N, C-alpha and C. Protein backbone atom coordinates (compact mmCIF):
# COMPACT_ATOMS: atom_id res chain seq x y z
N MET A 1 1.02 -1.13 0.09
CA MET A 1 0.04 -0.07 0.00
C MET A 1 0.77 1.20 -0.03
N THR A 2 0.41 2.31 -0.88
CA THR A 2 1.28 3.59 -0.96
C THR A 2 0.86 4.42 0.38
N GLY A 3 1.37 5.44 0.50
CA GLY A 3 1.41 6.58 1.59
C GLY A 3 0.21 7.17 1.02
N ALA A 4 -0.38 8.38 2.00
CA ALA A 4 -1.74 9.17 1.82
C ALA A 4 -1.55 10.02 0.39
N ALA A 5 -0.25 10.53 0.55
CA ALA A 5 -0.23 11.47 -0.94
C ALA A 5 -0.16 10.67 -2.05
N ASP A 6 -0.03 9.40 -1.86
CA ASP A 6 0.01 8.74 -3.57
C ASP A 6 -1.21 8.14 -3.61
N GLY A 7 -2.49 8.24 -2.83
CA GLY A 7 -3.88 7.61 -3.10
C GLY A 7 -3.65 6.47 -2.29
N PHE A 8 -4.44 5.32 -2.80
CA PHE A 8 -4.82 4.17 -2.37
C PHE A 8 -4.58 3.01 -3.31
N HIS A 9 -3.55 2.28 -2.54
CA HIS A 9 -2.86 1.46 -3.95
C HIS A 9 -2.87 0.32 -3.16
N VAL A 10 -3.08 -1.10 -3.67
CA VAL A 10 -2.90 -2.27 -3.11
C VAL A 10 -2.43 -3.37 -4.02
N GLU A 11 -1.59 -4.27 -4.01
CA GLU A 11 -1.15 -5.17 -4.92
C GLU A 11 -1.01 -6.52 -4.00
N THR A 12 -1.52 -7.60 -5.00
CA THR A 12 -1.46 -8.79 -4.59
C THR A 12 -0.48 -9.66 -5.77
N PRO A 13 -0.22 -11.12 -5.60
CA PRO A 13 0.37 -11.43 -6.40
C PRO A 13 -0.18 -11.33 -7.78
N ARG A 14 -1.65 -11.72 -7.88
CA ARG A 14 -2.17 -11.63 -9.32
C ARG A 14 -3.28 -10.21 -9.71
N LEU A 15 -3.13 -9.44 -8.48
CA LEU A 15 -4.32 -8.50 -8.70
C LEU A 15 -3.62 -6.91 -8.13
N ILE A 16 -4.02 -5.90 -8.89
CA ILE A 16 -3.66 -4.48 -8.46
C ILE A 16 -4.99 -3.71 -8.14
N LEU A 17 -4.96 -3.28 -7.03
CA LEU A 17 -6.33 -2.44 -6.88
C LEU A 17 -5.77 -0.96 -6.75
N ARG A 18 -6.33 0.02 -7.44
CA ARG A 18 -5.71 1.18 -7.60
C ARG A 18 -6.86 2.23 -8.25
N GLU A 19 -6.39 3.67 -8.25
CA GLU A 19 -7.56 4.56 -8.44
C GLU A 19 -7.89 4.08 -10.15
N PHE A 20 -9.01 4.87 -10.52
CA PHE A 20 -9.72 4.63 -11.68
C PHE A 20 -8.97 5.63 -12.57
N ARG A 21 -8.85 5.07 -14.14
CA ARG A 21 -8.25 5.81 -15.07
C ARG A 21 -9.30 6.14 -16.06
N PRO A 22 -9.22 7.08 -16.90
CA PRO A 22 -10.16 7.23 -18.11
C PRO A 22 -10.40 6.10 -18.65
N GLU A 23 -9.37 5.39 -19.19
CA GLU A 23 -9.96 4.19 -19.87
C GLU A 23 -10.60 3.01 -19.52
N ASP A 24 -10.73 3.15 -17.91
CA ASP A 24 -11.50 2.33 -17.25
C ASP A 24 -13.02 2.21 -17.69
N VAL A 25 -13.68 3.24 -17.98
CA VAL A 25 -15.02 3.52 -18.24
C VAL A 25 -15.67 2.18 -19.12
N THR A 26 -14.93 2.32 -20.27
CA THR A 26 -15.45 0.97 -21.06
C THR A 26 -15.52 -0.35 -20.35
N PRO A 27 -14.57 -1.02 -19.94
CA PRO A 27 -14.96 -2.55 -19.37
C PRO A 27 -15.52 -2.06 -18.00
N LEU A 28 -15.53 -1.14 -17.25
CA LEU A 28 -16.37 -0.91 -16.28
C LEU A 28 -18.08 -0.83 -16.37
N LEU A 29 -18.34 -0.34 -17.73
CA LEU A 29 -19.56 -0.42 -18.21
C LEU A 29 -19.78 -1.82 -18.75
N ARG A 30 -19.06 -2.47 -19.28
CA ARG A 30 -19.32 -3.69 -19.61
C ARG A 30 -19.58 -4.54 -18.57
N ILE A 31 -19.01 -4.44 -17.32
CA ILE A 31 -19.31 -5.40 -16.42
C ILE A 31 -20.44 -4.99 -15.27
N GLY A 32 -20.41 -3.52 -15.26
CA GLY A 32 -21.51 -3.16 -14.49
C GLY A 32 -23.08 -3.33 -15.19
N ARG A 33 -23.20 -3.29 -16.50
CA ARG A 33 -24.37 -3.44 -17.02
C ARG A 33 -24.79 -4.89 -17.16
N ASP A 34 -23.88 -5.93 -16.86
CA ASP A 34 -24.12 -7.35 -17.07
C ASP A 34 -25.06 -7.32 -15.71
N ARG A 35 -26.39 -8.19 -15.98
CA ARG A 35 -27.73 -8.10 -14.85
C ARG A 35 -27.06 -9.02 -13.90
N ARG A 36 -26.27 -9.97 -14.00
CA ARG A 36 -25.98 -10.62 -12.89
C ARG A 36 -25.00 -10.08 -11.99
N VAL A 37 -24.32 -8.89 -12.51
CA VAL A 37 -23.57 -8.09 -11.53
C VAL A 37 -24.31 -6.85 -11.01
N ALA A 38 -25.22 -6.02 -11.93
CA ALA A 38 -25.91 -4.86 -11.37
C ALA A 38 -27.05 -5.56 -10.37
N GLN A 39 -27.82 -6.54 -10.51
CA GLN A 39 -28.81 -6.83 -9.52
C GLN A 39 -28.25 -7.19 -7.89
N MET A 40 -26.76 -7.31 -7.95
CA MET A 40 -26.29 -7.83 -6.68
C MET A 40 -25.73 -6.70 -6.13
N MET A 41 -25.74 -5.57 -6.66
CA MET A 41 -25.52 -4.00 -6.20
C MET A 41 -26.53 -3.21 -5.85
N SER A 42 -26.42 -2.25 -4.79
CA SER A 42 -27.41 -1.56 -4.78
C SER A 42 -27.82 -0.26 -6.00
N THR A 43 -26.54 0.11 -6.33
CA THR A 43 -26.38 1.54 -7.07
C THR A 43 -26.17 1.43 -8.40
N LEU A 44 -26.19 0.11 -9.10
CA LEU A 44 -25.65 0.08 -10.47
C LEU A 44 -27.11 -0.20 -11.25
N PRO A 45 -27.27 0.99 -12.31
CA PRO A 45 -28.68 0.46 -13.02
C PRO A 45 -28.12 -0.65 -13.99
N VAL A 46 -28.94 -1.05 -14.59
CA VAL A 46 -28.65 -1.96 -15.87
C VAL A 46 -28.45 -1.30 -17.14
N ARG A 47 -29.23 0.16 -17.38
CA ARG A 47 -28.99 1.11 -18.35
C ARG A 47 -27.98 2.25 -18.22
N TRP A 48 -26.71 1.60 -17.35
CA TRP A 48 -26.04 2.81 -17.35
C TRP A 48 -25.25 3.37 -18.24
N THR A 49 -25.14 4.60 -18.27
CA THR A 49 -24.57 5.39 -19.26
C THR A 49 -23.34 5.64 -19.31
N ARG A 50 -22.81 5.81 -20.41
CA ARG A 50 -21.04 6.22 -20.17
C ARG A 50 -21.11 7.76 -19.22
N ALA A 51 -22.02 8.63 -19.58
CA ALA A 51 -21.88 10.07 -18.59
C ALA A 51 -21.90 9.48 -17.09
N GLN A 52 -22.93 8.54 -16.80
CA GLN A 52 -23.21 7.84 -15.56
C GLN A 52 -22.14 7.48 -14.83
N ALA A 53 -21.41 6.32 -15.65
CA ALA A 53 -20.20 5.70 -15.24
C ALA A 53 -19.21 6.98 -14.99
N THR A 54 -18.88 7.53 -15.77
CA THR A 54 -17.97 8.55 -15.72
C THR A 54 -17.96 9.46 -14.19
N GLU A 55 -19.04 9.85 -13.84
CA GLU A 55 -19.31 10.55 -13.03
C GLU A 55 -19.10 9.62 -11.56
N TRP A 56 -19.57 8.51 -11.65
CA TRP A 56 -19.50 7.33 -10.82
C TRP A 56 -17.82 7.24 -10.37
N ILE A 57 -17.17 7.22 -11.28
CA ILE A 57 -15.74 7.26 -11.30
C ILE A 57 -15.06 8.57 -10.55
N ALA A 58 -15.60 9.76 -10.80
CA ALA A 58 -15.21 10.79 -10.10
C ALA A 58 -15.59 10.91 -8.77
N ARG A 59 -16.48 10.35 -8.80
CA ARG A 59 -17.27 10.38 -6.94
C ARG A 59 -16.42 9.24 -6.28
N SER A 60 -15.84 8.30 -6.93
CA SER A 60 -15.06 7.15 -6.54
C SER A 60 -13.61 7.67 -5.89
N ARG A 61 -13.15 8.92 -6.21
CA ARG A 61 -11.52 9.03 -6.08
C ARG A 61 -11.47 9.04 -4.58
N PHE A 62 -10.20 8.65 -4.11
CA PHE A 62 -9.70 8.47 -2.74
C PHE A 62 -9.49 9.82 -2.15
N ARG A 63 -9.78 10.18 -1.21
CA ARG A 63 -9.73 11.70 -0.53
C ARG A 63 -9.30 11.70 0.83
N GLY A 64 -8.69 10.26 1.21
CA GLY A 64 -7.98 10.23 2.49
C GLY A 64 -8.88 9.89 3.54
N GLU A 65 -9.91 9.47 3.45
CA GLU A 65 -10.81 8.78 4.50
C GLU A 65 -11.57 7.69 3.81
N PRO A 66 -12.61 6.88 4.21
CA PRO A 66 -13.51 5.98 3.87
C PRO A 66 -14.41 7.13 2.84
N GLY A 67 -14.63 6.04 1.94
CA GLY A 67 -15.85 6.94 1.18
C GLY A 67 -15.15 7.14 -0.20
N PHE A 68 -14.68 5.81 -0.71
CA PHE A 68 -14.28 5.42 -2.09
C PHE A 68 -14.08 4.06 -2.85
N ARG A 69 -13.81 4.26 -3.85
CA ARG A 69 -13.97 2.91 -4.78
C ARG A 69 -12.45 2.93 -5.37
N LEU A 70 -12.10 1.51 -5.50
CA LEU A 70 -10.85 1.30 -6.41
C LEU A 70 -11.15 0.58 -7.44
N ALA A 71 -10.34 0.61 -8.83
CA ALA A 71 -10.45 -0.58 -9.71
C ALA A 71 -9.69 -1.78 -9.55
N ILE A 72 -10.05 -2.90 -9.46
CA ILE A 72 -9.56 -4.24 -9.43
C ILE A 72 -8.91 -4.54 -10.89
N GLU A 73 -7.47 -4.59 -10.82
CA GLU A 73 -7.07 -5.12 -12.44
C GLU A 73 -6.45 -6.35 -11.98
N GLN A 74 -6.73 -7.11 -13.11
CA GLN A 74 -5.88 -8.61 -13.01
C GLN A 74 -4.59 -8.27 -14.00
N ARG A 75 -3.66 -8.64 -13.19
CA ARG A 75 -2.18 -8.13 -13.75
C ARG A 75 -1.99 -8.34 -15.34
N GLY A 76 -1.95 -7.30 -16.37
CA GLY A 76 -1.57 -8.16 -17.57
C GLY A 76 -2.89 -7.80 -18.29
N LEU A 77 -4.02 -7.68 -17.84
CA LEU A 77 -5.28 -8.08 -18.34
C LEU A 77 -6.27 -7.05 -18.17
N GLY A 78 -6.16 -6.16 -17.61
CA GLY A 78 -6.89 -4.98 -17.11
C GLY A 78 -7.90 -5.12 -16.28
N LEU A 79 -9.00 -4.19 -16.23
CA LEU A 79 -10.16 -4.08 -15.25
C LEU A 79 -10.86 -5.27 -15.18
N ILE A 80 -10.78 -5.65 -14.05
CA ILE A 80 -11.98 -6.83 -13.75
C ILE A 80 -13.09 -6.57 -12.69
N GLY A 81 -13.12 -5.59 -12.11
CA GLY A 81 -13.76 -5.31 -10.86
C GLY A 81 -13.72 -4.18 -10.11
N VAL A 82 -14.40 -4.15 -8.98
CA VAL A 82 -14.50 -2.72 -8.21
C VAL A 82 -14.19 -3.32 -6.87
N ALA A 83 -13.49 -2.64 -5.97
CA ALA A 83 -13.55 -2.71 -4.61
C ALA A 83 -13.94 -1.35 -3.94
N GLY A 84 -15.00 -1.08 -2.87
CA GLY A 84 -15.20 0.22 -2.25
C GLY A 84 -15.55 0.07 -1.02
N LEU A 85 -15.24 0.98 -0.09
CA LEU A 85 -15.43 1.29 1.42
C LEU A 85 -16.05 2.52 1.21
N GLY A 86 -17.22 2.69 2.34
CA GLY A 86 -17.84 3.72 2.35
C GLY A 86 -18.68 3.80 3.64
N GLY A 87 -19.60 4.97 4.05
CA GLY A 87 -20.79 4.75 4.86
C GLY A 87 -20.37 4.95 6.04
N ALA A 88 -21.52 4.82 7.05
CA ALA A 88 -21.46 4.90 8.41
C ALA A 88 -22.05 3.92 9.08
N PRO A 89 -22.25 2.89 9.62
CA PRO A 89 -20.70 2.34 9.72
C PRO A 89 -20.15 2.09 8.20
N ALA A 90 -18.72 1.83 8.25
CA ALA A 90 -18.09 1.60 7.21
C ALA A 90 -18.38 0.48 6.43
N MET A 91 -18.72 0.33 5.51
CA MET A 91 -19.45 -0.90 4.76
C MET A 91 -18.40 -1.10 3.58
N LEU A 92 -18.04 -2.36 3.53
CA LEU A 92 -17.37 -2.78 2.47
C LEU A 92 -18.14 -3.61 1.30
N ALA A 93 -17.75 -3.10 0.04
CA ALA A 93 -18.48 -3.52 -1.24
C ALA A 93 -17.33 -4.02 -2.42
N TYR A 94 -18.08 -4.69 -3.09
CA TYR A 94 -17.48 -5.06 -4.27
C TYR A 94 -18.05 -5.66 -5.49
N PHE A 95 -17.35 -6.06 -6.70
CA PHE A 95 -17.98 -6.78 -7.67
C PHE A 95 -16.91 -7.16 -8.49
N LEU A 96 -17.22 -8.43 -9.23
CA LEU A 96 -16.15 -8.77 -10.37
C LEU A 96 -16.93 -9.11 -11.55
N ASP A 97 -16.16 -9.00 -12.43
CA ASP A 97 -16.71 -9.38 -14.15
C ASP A 97 -17.10 -10.90 -13.98
N PRO A 98 -18.35 -11.51 -14.30
CA PRO A 98 -18.70 -12.89 -14.00
C PRO A 98 -17.49 -13.66 -14.93
N ALA A 99 -16.91 -13.25 -15.60
CA ALA A 99 -15.70 -13.83 -16.77
C ALA A 99 -14.83 -14.46 -15.93
N VAL A 100 -14.67 -13.80 -14.60
CA VAL A 100 -13.38 -14.45 -13.75
C VAL A 100 -14.05 -15.00 -12.38
N TRP A 101 -15.25 -14.95 -12.23
CA TRP A 101 -15.88 -15.56 -10.98
C TRP A 101 -15.18 -16.99 -11.10
N GLY A 102 -14.94 -17.59 -9.58
CA GLY A 102 -14.75 -18.78 -9.33
C GLY A 102 -13.00 -19.05 -9.15
N ARG A 103 -12.33 -18.04 -9.40
CA ARG A 103 -10.82 -18.22 -9.56
C ARG A 103 -10.29 -17.52 -8.15
N GLY A 104 -11.11 -17.36 -7.38
CA GLY A 104 -10.38 -16.61 -5.95
C GLY A 104 -9.92 -15.41 -6.20
N TYR A 105 -10.29 -14.64 -7.12
CA TYR A 105 -10.01 -13.15 -7.23
C TYR A 105 -10.51 -12.52 -5.99
N ALA A 106 -12.25 -12.58 -5.90
CA ALA A 106 -12.74 -11.68 -5.01
C ALA A 106 -12.00 -11.92 -3.52
N THR A 107 -11.65 -13.30 -3.26
CA THR A 107 -11.27 -13.37 -1.64
C THR A 107 -9.79 -12.77 -1.63
N GLU A 108 -9.08 -12.83 -2.87
CA GLU A 108 -7.47 -12.36 -2.80
C GLU A 108 -7.57 -10.62 -2.78
N ALA A 109 -8.52 -10.30 -3.67
CA ALA A 109 -8.62 -8.60 -3.67
C ALA A 109 -8.99 -8.16 -2.44
N MET A 110 -10.14 -8.71 -1.75
CA MET A 110 -11.01 -8.26 -0.90
C MET A 110 -9.99 -8.20 0.78
N ARG A 111 -9.42 -9.30 0.76
CA ARG A 111 -8.22 -9.66 1.91
C ARG A 111 -7.46 -8.57 1.79
N ALA A 112 -6.60 -8.26 0.86
CA ALA A 112 -5.77 -7.28 0.81
C ALA A 112 -6.33 -5.90 0.96
N PHE A 113 -7.48 -5.85 0.46
CA PHE A 113 -8.09 -4.31 0.52
C PHE A 113 -8.65 -4.07 2.09
N VAL A 114 -9.04 -5.13 2.72
CA VAL A 114 -9.51 -5.01 3.96
C VAL A 114 -8.07 -4.64 4.96
N ALA A 115 -7.31 -5.51 4.64
CA ALA A 115 -5.72 -5.49 5.45
C ALA A 115 -5.58 -3.81 5.22
N ALA A 116 -5.71 -3.66 4.14
CA ALA A 116 -4.91 -2.29 3.86
C ALA A 116 -5.87 -0.85 4.34
N ALA A 117 -7.21 -1.09 4.50
CA ALA A 117 -7.92 -0.35 4.88
C ALA A 117 -7.72 -0.29 6.51
N PHE A 118 -7.61 -1.55 7.35
CA PHE A 118 -7.36 -1.47 8.82
C PHE A 118 -6.08 -0.80 8.51
N ALA A 119 -4.91 -0.97 8.30
CA ALA A 119 -3.72 -0.47 8.17
C ALA A 119 -3.73 0.99 7.93
N ARG A 120 -4.44 1.60 7.19
CA ARG A 120 -4.48 2.93 6.75
C ARG A 120 -5.42 3.97 7.85
N PHE A 121 -6.65 3.39 8.15
CA PHE A 121 -7.54 3.80 8.98
C PHE A 121 -7.58 3.19 10.64
N ARG A 122 -6.43 3.82 11.30
CA ARG A 122 -6.10 3.11 12.57
C ARG A 122 -7.71 3.11 13.72
N GLY A 123 -8.21 4.18 13.22
CA GLY A 123 -9.63 4.09 14.06
C GLY A 123 -10.72 3.37 13.52
N LEU A 124 -10.45 2.58 12.41
CA LEU A 124 -11.67 1.79 11.94
C LEU A 124 -11.26 0.43 12.14
N ASP A 125 -12.30 0.08 13.34
CA ASP A 125 -12.29 -0.98 14.15
C ASP A 125 -13.66 -2.09 13.89
N VAL A 126 -14.71 -1.45 12.85
CA VAL A 126 -15.46 -2.53 12.62
C VAL A 126 -15.85 -2.10 11.18
N LEU A 127 -16.06 -3.27 9.98
CA LEU A 127 -16.76 -2.91 8.97
C LEU A 127 -17.75 -3.86 8.86
N ALA A 128 -18.80 -3.04 8.03
CA ALA A 128 -20.08 -4.16 7.83
C ALA A 128 -20.24 -4.48 6.39
N ALA A 129 -20.64 -5.46 5.78
CA ALA A 129 -21.09 -5.97 4.70
C ALA A 129 -22.19 -6.54 4.63
N ASP A 130 -22.98 -6.50 3.24
CA ASP A 130 -24.10 -7.36 2.91
C ASP A 130 -24.01 -8.03 1.74
N HIS A 131 -24.95 -9.03 1.67
CA HIS A 131 -25.04 -9.52 0.23
C HIS A 131 -26.61 -10.02 0.02
N PHE A 132 -27.22 -10.06 -1.31
CA PHE A 132 -28.43 -10.76 -1.44
C PHE A 132 -28.10 -12.13 -1.08
N ALA A 133 -29.34 -12.56 -0.79
CA ALA A 133 -29.57 -13.95 -0.24
C ALA A 133 -29.20 -15.06 -1.66
N ASP A 134 -29.53 -14.38 -2.80
CA ASP A 134 -29.32 -15.15 -3.91
C ASP A 134 -27.96 -15.09 -4.91
N ASN A 135 -26.97 -14.51 -3.53
CA ASN A 135 -25.53 -14.54 -3.95
C ASN A 135 -24.64 -15.17 -3.12
N PRO A 136 -24.75 -16.42 -2.67
CA PRO A 136 -24.03 -17.20 -1.79
C PRO A 136 -22.65 -16.95 -1.73
N GLY A 137 -22.03 -16.77 -2.98
CA GLY A 137 -20.42 -16.73 -3.38
C GLY A 137 -20.06 -15.53 -2.30
N SER A 138 -20.75 -14.61 -2.53
CA SER A 138 -20.40 -13.32 -1.72
C SER A 138 -20.25 -13.79 -0.03
N GLY A 139 -21.20 -14.27 0.05
CA GLY A 139 -21.36 -15.05 1.64
C GLY A 139 -20.09 -15.50 2.17
N ARG A 140 -19.64 -16.54 0.98
CA ARG A 140 -18.44 -17.53 1.27
C ARG A 140 -16.99 -16.47 1.33
N VAL A 141 -16.97 -15.49 0.19
CA VAL A 141 -16.00 -14.74 0.37
C VAL A 141 -15.78 -13.82 1.82
N LEU A 142 -16.82 -13.27 2.28
CA LEU A 142 -16.79 -12.56 3.57
C LEU A 142 -16.40 -13.61 4.63
N GLU A 143 -16.86 -14.63 4.78
CA GLU A 143 -16.55 -15.65 5.88
C GLU A 143 -15.51 -16.00 5.75
N LYS A 144 -14.82 -16.18 4.59
CA LYS A 144 -13.05 -16.45 4.54
C LYS A 144 -12.43 -15.08 5.08
N LEU A 145 -12.78 -14.34 5.01
CA LEU A 145 -12.18 -12.89 5.59
C LEU A 145 -12.33 -12.67 7.13
N GLY A 146 -13.42 -13.42 7.70
CA GLY A 146 -13.47 -13.64 8.94
C GLY A 146 -14.58 -12.84 9.34
N PHE A 147 -15.74 -12.01 8.47
CA PHE A 147 -16.97 -11.56 8.73
C PHE A 147 -18.08 -12.53 9.47
N GLU A 148 -18.62 -11.92 10.44
CA GLU A 148 -19.64 -12.92 11.00
C GLU A 148 -21.14 -12.15 10.66
N ARG A 149 -21.77 -13.38 10.24
CA ARG A 149 -23.09 -13.55 9.92
C ARG A 149 -24.03 -12.89 11.25
N LEU A 150 -24.65 -11.74 10.70
CA LEU A 150 -25.49 -10.79 11.90
C LEU A 150 -27.16 -11.28 11.97
N GLY A 151 -27.44 -11.94 10.24
CA GLY A 151 -28.99 -11.76 10.34
C GLY A 151 -29.40 -11.45 8.74
N ARG A 152 -30.49 -11.38 8.68
CA ARG A 152 -31.32 -11.18 7.48
C ARG A 152 -32.00 -9.78 7.67
N GLY A 153 -32.17 -9.37 5.94
CA GLY A 153 -33.15 -8.10 6.11
C GLY A 153 -33.52 -7.88 4.75
N ALA A 154 -33.60 -7.04 4.40
CA ALA A 154 -34.33 -6.75 2.87
C ALA A 154 -33.60 -5.59 2.06
N GLY A 155 -32.88 -5.75 0.93
CA GLY A 155 -32.19 -4.91 0.21
C GLY A 155 -32.81 -4.44 -0.81
N ARG A 156 -32.36 -3.13 -1.43
CA ARG A 156 -32.78 -2.84 -2.71
C ARG A 156 -31.74 -2.49 -3.73
N SER A 157 -31.91 -2.92 -5.06
CA SER A 157 -31.21 -2.88 -6.21
C SER A 157 -31.76 -1.98 -7.29
N LEU A 158 -31.08 -1.13 -7.92
CA LEU A 158 -31.57 -0.45 -8.84
C LEU A 158 -32.03 -1.59 -10.23
N ALA A 159 -31.48 -2.78 -9.89
CA ALA A 159 -31.55 -3.73 -11.50
C ALA A 159 -32.54 -4.58 -10.53
N ARG A 160 -33.29 -4.56 -9.66
CA ARG A 160 -34.37 -5.51 -9.18
C ARG A 160 -35.81 -4.58 -9.20
N LEU A 161 -36.77 -5.25 -9.41
CA LEU A 161 -37.90 -4.70 -9.38
C LEU A 161 -38.50 -4.61 -8.08
N GLU A 162 -38.08 -5.39 -6.85
CA GLU A 162 -38.72 -5.57 -5.86
C GLU A 162 -37.46 -5.45 -4.62
N PRO A 163 -37.88 -4.97 -3.39
CA PRO A 163 -36.40 -5.26 -2.45
C PRO A 163 -36.42 -7.24 -2.32
N ALA A 164 -35.34 -7.55 -2.02
CA ALA A 164 -34.97 -8.87 -1.91
C ALA A 164 -34.30 -9.34 -0.72
N PRO A 165 -34.30 -10.47 -0.15
CA PRO A 165 -33.70 -10.80 0.98
C PRO A 165 -32.10 -10.57 0.82
N ASN A 166 -31.45 -9.90 2.00
CA ASN A 166 -30.21 -10.02 1.99
C ASN A 166 -29.86 -10.62 3.39
N ILE A 167 -28.14 -10.56 3.62
CA ILE A 167 -27.93 -11.08 4.83
C ILE A 167 -26.60 -9.99 5.18
N HIS A 168 -26.72 -9.53 6.33
CA HIS A 168 -25.72 -8.66 6.96
C HIS A 168 -24.98 -9.50 7.81
N TYR A 169 -23.73 -8.83 7.81
CA TYR A 169 -22.29 -9.35 8.64
C TYR A 169 -21.61 -8.00 8.93
N ARG A 170 -20.48 -8.22 9.76
CA ARG A 170 -19.82 -7.32 10.20
C ARG A 170 -18.66 -7.90 10.84
N LEU A 171 -17.31 -7.43 10.73
CA LEU A 171 -15.56 -7.77 10.70
C LEU A 171 -15.17 -7.01 11.83
N ILE A 172 -14.47 -7.42 12.99
CA ILE A 172 -14.14 -6.57 14.05
C ILE A 172 -12.40 -6.92 13.65
N ARG A 173 -12.17 -5.69 13.53
CA ARG A 173 -10.60 -5.49 13.38
C ARG A 173 -9.67 -6.63 14.16
N ALA A 174 -9.81 -7.05 15.20
CA ALA A 174 -9.05 -7.83 16.36
C ALA A 174 -9.31 -9.01 15.52
N LYS A 175 -10.82 -9.71 15.11
CA LYS A 175 -10.73 -10.71 14.57
C LYS A 175 -9.87 -11.07 13.12
N PHE A 176 -10.25 -9.85 12.46
CA PHE A 176 -9.34 -9.79 10.85
C PHE A 176 -7.67 -10.07 11.47
N GLU A 177 -6.99 -9.18 12.10
CA GLU A 177 -6.00 -9.34 12.62
C GLU A 177 -5.29 -10.56 13.09
N ALA A 178 -5.93 -10.94 13.64
CA ALA A 178 -5.77 -12.69 14.35
C ALA A 178 -5.67 -13.37 13.15
N ARG A 179 -6.41 -13.34 12.08
CA ARG A 179 -6.33 -14.64 11.00
C ARG A 179 -5.45 -13.80 10.00
N HIS A 180 -5.11 -12.73 9.53
CA HIS A 180 -4.45 -12.01 8.44
C HIS A 180 -3.33 -11.05 8.61
N GLU A 181 -2.40 -11.09 8.03
CA GLU A 181 -1.36 -10.09 8.65
C GLU A 181 -1.96 -8.32 7.87
N ILE A 182 -1.54 -7.61 8.63
CA ILE A 182 -1.87 -6.30 8.65
C ILE A 182 -0.49 -5.57 7.90
N PRO A 183 -0.12 -4.98 7.05
CA PRO A 183 0.82 -4.40 6.34
C PRO A 183 1.32 -3.24 7.41
């Protein structure tokens, strides 16, 4: 992870989590417009326009505190997803291109992202996350990171007609640190 003046940047053996670039708009639109992705996120419309995606990227910039998103890049192959942290309580969010599902990228990216967030934000002691009940893969990723399941609720997505069941989680910093190295 780089210093505060350099933004927020995380690397793993296979991935780079970095600030968005202008050339990321096209692959971001392709991934975000996929109904399998959009319906699992609260704020991604299926009919996402280039102007909306460009504005979304501009709002995603790291400004020294939670409330940002990073591009997830597969080394040598370009953008494959997004990792984000924001809200109160601080909430973790991510999505990946369905073409790379099942390869361990989500776990790899989010483990590194959470470790970097805890290292950068020393006052951050708890993270929240949720996923729609029809997306059990995200639940498995969260559990691998040490998130504990809190219960069920209902969530909204711009890509769904009705609210849908979702599952809420939390991660205590000490529990993550006991299982994973913090840089």
